[in-house]
Amino acid sequence: MIIVNTECVPGHEIAEFKGLVRGNTVRAKHMGKDILAGLRTIVGGEIKEYTEMLTECRNESVKRMVAEAESLGADAIVNLRFTTSQVMAGAAELLAYGTAVTLKR
């Protein structure tokens, strides 16, 4: 699966648009890591617990988006975008979305 954040795939022509595809996940860290993250806000610096959580979210969301595109018979996704939202304290949703397409061979 080719995934790009542009309107086209360089060197390829789009044969057919299959439609919007998306994948999302909501994640939260356990209380122990949430406490560590809270302490880091006092001293400053990267909050690695949340960086790790969002990396896991992004990977799972892309995996789910790709599965939806494959079910439509697509071989590429163009205009990939990510958006996040806080669902509750310590929990975030990450949504990956784009347009599934087939490419001319």
C-alpha atoms as a PDB file:
ATOM      1  CA  MET A   1       0.000   0.000   0.000  1.00  0.00           C
ATOM      2  CA  ILE A   2       1.378   3.383  -1.016  1.00  0.00           C
ATOM      3  CA  ILE A   3       0.454   6.156   1.419  1.00  0.00           C
ATOM      4  CA  VAL A   4       1.195   9.818   0.699  1.00  0.00           C
ATOM      5  CA  ASN A   5       0.101  13.139   2.159  1.00  0.00           C
ATOM      6  CA  THR A   6      -0.123  14.724  -1.297  1.00  0.00           C
ATOM      7  CA  GLU A   7      -2.964  14.789  -3.836  1.00  0.00           C
ATOM      8  CA  CYS A   8      -1.202  12.357  -6.140  1.00  0.00           C
ATOM      9  CA  VAL A   9       1.446   9.651  -6.085  1.00  0.00           C
ATOM     10  CA  PRO A  10       4.562  10.887  -7.905  1.00  0.00           C
ATOM     11  CA  GLY A  11       5.170   8.847 -11.048  1.00  0.00           C
ATOM     12  CA  HIS A  12       1.682   7.313 -11.024  1.00  0.00           C
ATOM     13  CA  GLU A  13      -1.693   8.269 -12.399  1.00  0.00           C
ATOM     14  CA  ILE A  14      -4.879   7.705 -10.397  1.00  0.00           C
ATOM     15  CA  ALA A  15      -7.247   5.316 -12.168  1.00  0.00           C
ATOM     16  CA  GLU A  16     -10.150   5.394  -9.726  1.00  0.00           C
ATOM     17  CA  PHE A  17     -11.148   7.083  -6.497  1.00  0.00           C
ATOM     18  CA  LYS A  18     -12.557   4.569  -4.012  1.00  0.00           C
ATOM     19  CA  GLY A  19     -13.564   7.071  -1.322  1.00  0.00           C
ATOM     20  CA  LEU A  20     -12.731   8.267   2.145  1.00  0.00           C
ATOM     21  CA  VAL A  21     -11.009   5.778   4.421  1.00  0.00           C
ATOM     22  CA  ARG A  22     -10.229   6.198   8.075  1.00  0.00           C
ATOM     23  CA  GLY A  23      -8.882   4.434  11.090  1.00  0.00           C
ATOM     24  CA  ASN A  24      -9.023   5.559  14.673  1.00  0.00           C
ATOM     25  CA  THR A  25      -8.156   4.450  18.150  1.00  0.00           C
ATOM     26  CA  VAL A  26      -8.563   5.809  21.661  1.00  0.00           C
ATOM     27  CA  ARG A  27      -5.756   5.134  24.093  1.00  0.00           C
ATOM     28  CA  ALA A  28      -4.945   5.863  27.719  1.00  0.00           C
ATOM     29  CA  LYS A  29      -1.896   5.111  29.806  1.00  0.00           C
ATOM     30  CA  HIS A  30      -2.274   3.340  33.111  1.00  0.00           C
ATOM     31  CA  MET A  31      -2.350   5.322  36.343  1.00  0.00           C
ATOM     32  CA  GLY A  32       1.343   4.773  37.186  1.00  0.00           C
ATOM     33  CA  LYS A  33       2.558   6.250  33.910  1.00  0.00           C
ATOM     34  CA  ASP A  34      -0.028   9.026  34.165  1.00  0.00           C
ATOM     35  CA  ILE A  35       1.436  10.018  37.541  1.00  0.00           C
ATOM     36  CA  LEU A  36       4.967  10.037  36.069  1.00  0.00           C
ATOM     37  CA  ALA A  37       3.749  12.193  33.207  1.00  0.00           C
ATOM     38  CA  GLY A  38       2.169  14.603  35.697  1.00  0.00           C
ATOM     39  CA  LEU A  39       5.466  14.914  37.560  1.00  0.00           C
ATOM     40  CA  ARG A  40       7.273  15.674  34.301  1.00  0.00           C
ATOM     41  CA  THR A  41       5.006  18.665  33.738  1.00  0.00           C
ATOM     42  CA  ILE A  42       6.487  20.172  36.896  1.00  0.00           C
ATOM     43  CA  VAL A  43      10.146  19.873  35.840  1.00  0.00           C
ATOM     44  CA  GLY A  44       9.598  20.249  32.088  1.00  0.00           C
ATOM     45  CA  GLY A  45      10.863  18.223  29.171  1.00  0.00           C
ATOM     46  CA  GLU A  46       9.393  15.592  26.925  1.00  0.00           C
ATOM     47  CA  ILE A  47       6.579  13.520  28.385  1.00  0.00           C
ATOM     48  CA  LYS A  48       7.768  10.196  27.002  1.00  0.00           C
ATOM     49  CA  GLU A  49       4.756   8.275  28.291  1.00  0.00           C
ATOM     50  CA  TYR A  50       2.436  10.337  26.086  1.00  0.00           C
ATOM     51  CA  THR A  51       4.838  10.333  23.140  1.00  0.00           C
ATOM     52  CA  GLU A  52       4.817   6.533  23.299  1.00  0.00           C
ATOM     53  CA  MET A  53       1.022   6.458  23.610  1.00  0.00           C
ATOM     54  CA  LEU A  54       0.515   8.691  20.568  1.00  0.00           C
ATOM     55  CA  THR A  55       3.025   6.690  18.513  1.00  0.00           C
ATOM     56  CA  GLU A  56       1.064   3.519  19.310  1.00  0.00           C
ATOM     57  CA  CYS A  57      -2.176   5.352  18.420  1.00  0.00           C
ATOM     58  CA  ARG A  58      -0.819   6.577  15.099  1.00  0.00           C
ATOM     59  CA  ASN A  59       0.458   3.136  14.107  1.00  0.00           C
ATOM     60  CA  GLU A  60      -2.826   1.417  14.973  1.00  0.00           C
ATOM     61  CA  SER A  61      -4.922   4.103  13.255  1.00  0.00           C
ATOM     62  CA  VAL A  62      -2.901   3.824  10.035  1.00  0.00           C
ATOM     63  CA  LYS A  63      -3.157   0.023  10.175  1.00  0.00           C
ATOM     64  CA  ARG A  64      -6.962   0.257  10.447  1.00  0.00           C
ATOM     65  CA  MET A  65      -7.165   2.847   7.658  1.00  0.00           C
ATOM     66  CA  VAL A  66      -5.070   0.628   5.362  1.00  0.00           C
ATOM     67  CA  ALA A  67      -7.321  -2.356   6.125  1.00  0.00           C
ATOM     68  CA  GLU A  68     -10.376  -0.312   5.106  1.00  0.00           C
ATOM     69  CA  ALA A  69      -8.660   0.819   1.876  1.00  0.00           C
ATOM     70  CA  GLU A  70      -7.663  -2.755   1.032  1.00  0.00           C
ATOM     71  CA  SER A  71     -11.242  -3.910   1.570  1.00  0.00           C
ATOM     72  CA  LEU A  72     -12.270  -1.398  -1.127  1.00  0.00           C
ATOM     73  CA  GLY A  73      -9.654  -2.767  -3.537  1.00  0.00           C
ATOM     74  CA  ALA A  74      -7.397   0.296  -3.302  1.00  0.00           C
ATOM     75  CA  ASP A  75      -3.650   0.128  -3.748  1.00  0.00           C
ATOM     76  CA  ALA A  76      -2.860   3.616  -2.476  1.00  0.00           C
ATOM     77  CA  ILE A  77      -4.089   6.303  -0.095  1.00  0.00           C
ATOM     78  CA  VAL A  78      -3.619   9.964  -0.969  1.00  0.00           C
ATOM     79  CA  ASN A  79      -4.049  13.073   1.194  1.00  0.00           C
ATOM     80  CA  LEU A  80      -3.245  11.283   4.455  1.00  0.00           C
ATOM     81  CA  ARG A  81      -4.119  13.422   7.464  1.00  0.00           C
ATOM     82  CA  PHE A  82      -4.074  12.934  11.228  1.00  0.00           C
ATOM     83  CA  THR A  83      -6.188  14.567  13.868  1.00  0.00           C
ATOM     84  CA  THR A  84      -6.265  14.099  17.615  1.00  0.00           C
ATOM     85  CA  SER A  85      -8.741  14.915  20.320  1.00  0.00           C
ATOM     86  CA  GLN A  86      -8.797  14.492  24.051  1.00  0.00           C
ATOM     87  CA  VAL A  87     -11.576  12.134  25.088  1.00  0.00           C
ATOM     88  CA  MET A  88     -10.972  12.502  28.824  1.00  0.00           C
ATOM     89  CA  ALA A  89      -8.024  13.330  31.072  1.00  0.00           C
ATOM     90  CA  GLY A  90      -5.200  11.013  30.053  1.00  0.00           C
ATOM     91  CA  ALA A  91      -7.005   9.517  27.055  1.00  0.00           C
ATOM     92  CA  ALA A  92      -6.744  10.629  23.454  1.00  0.00           C
ATOM     93  CA  GLU A  93      -8.293   9.656  20.148  1.00  0.00           C
ATOM     94  CA  LEU A  94      -6.147   9.680  17.044  1.00  0.00           C
ATOM     95  CA  LEU A  95      -7.859   9.579  13.653  1.00  0.00           C
ATOM     96  CA  ALA A  96      -5.997   8.872  10.404  1.00  0.00           C
ATOM     97  CA  TYR A  97      -7.895   9.566   7.189  1.00  0.00           C
ATOM     98  CA  GLY A  98      -7.301   9.889   3.481  1.00  0.00           C
ATOM     99  CA  THR A  99      -8.674   9.025   0.060  1.00  0.00           C
ATOM    100  CA  ALA A 100      -8.367   5.446  -1.174  1.00  0.00           C
ATOM    101  CA  VAL A 101      -7.439   5.140  -4.846  1.00  0.00           C
ATOM    102  CA  THR A 102      -6.312   2.648  -7.427  1.00  0.00           C
ATOM    103  CA  LEU A 103      -3.357   3.510  -9.614  1.00  0.00           C
ATOM    104  CA  LYS A 104      -2.938   2.946 -13.344  1.00  0.00           C
ATOM    105  CA  ARG A 105      -0.396   0.253 -14.096  1.00  0.00           C
END
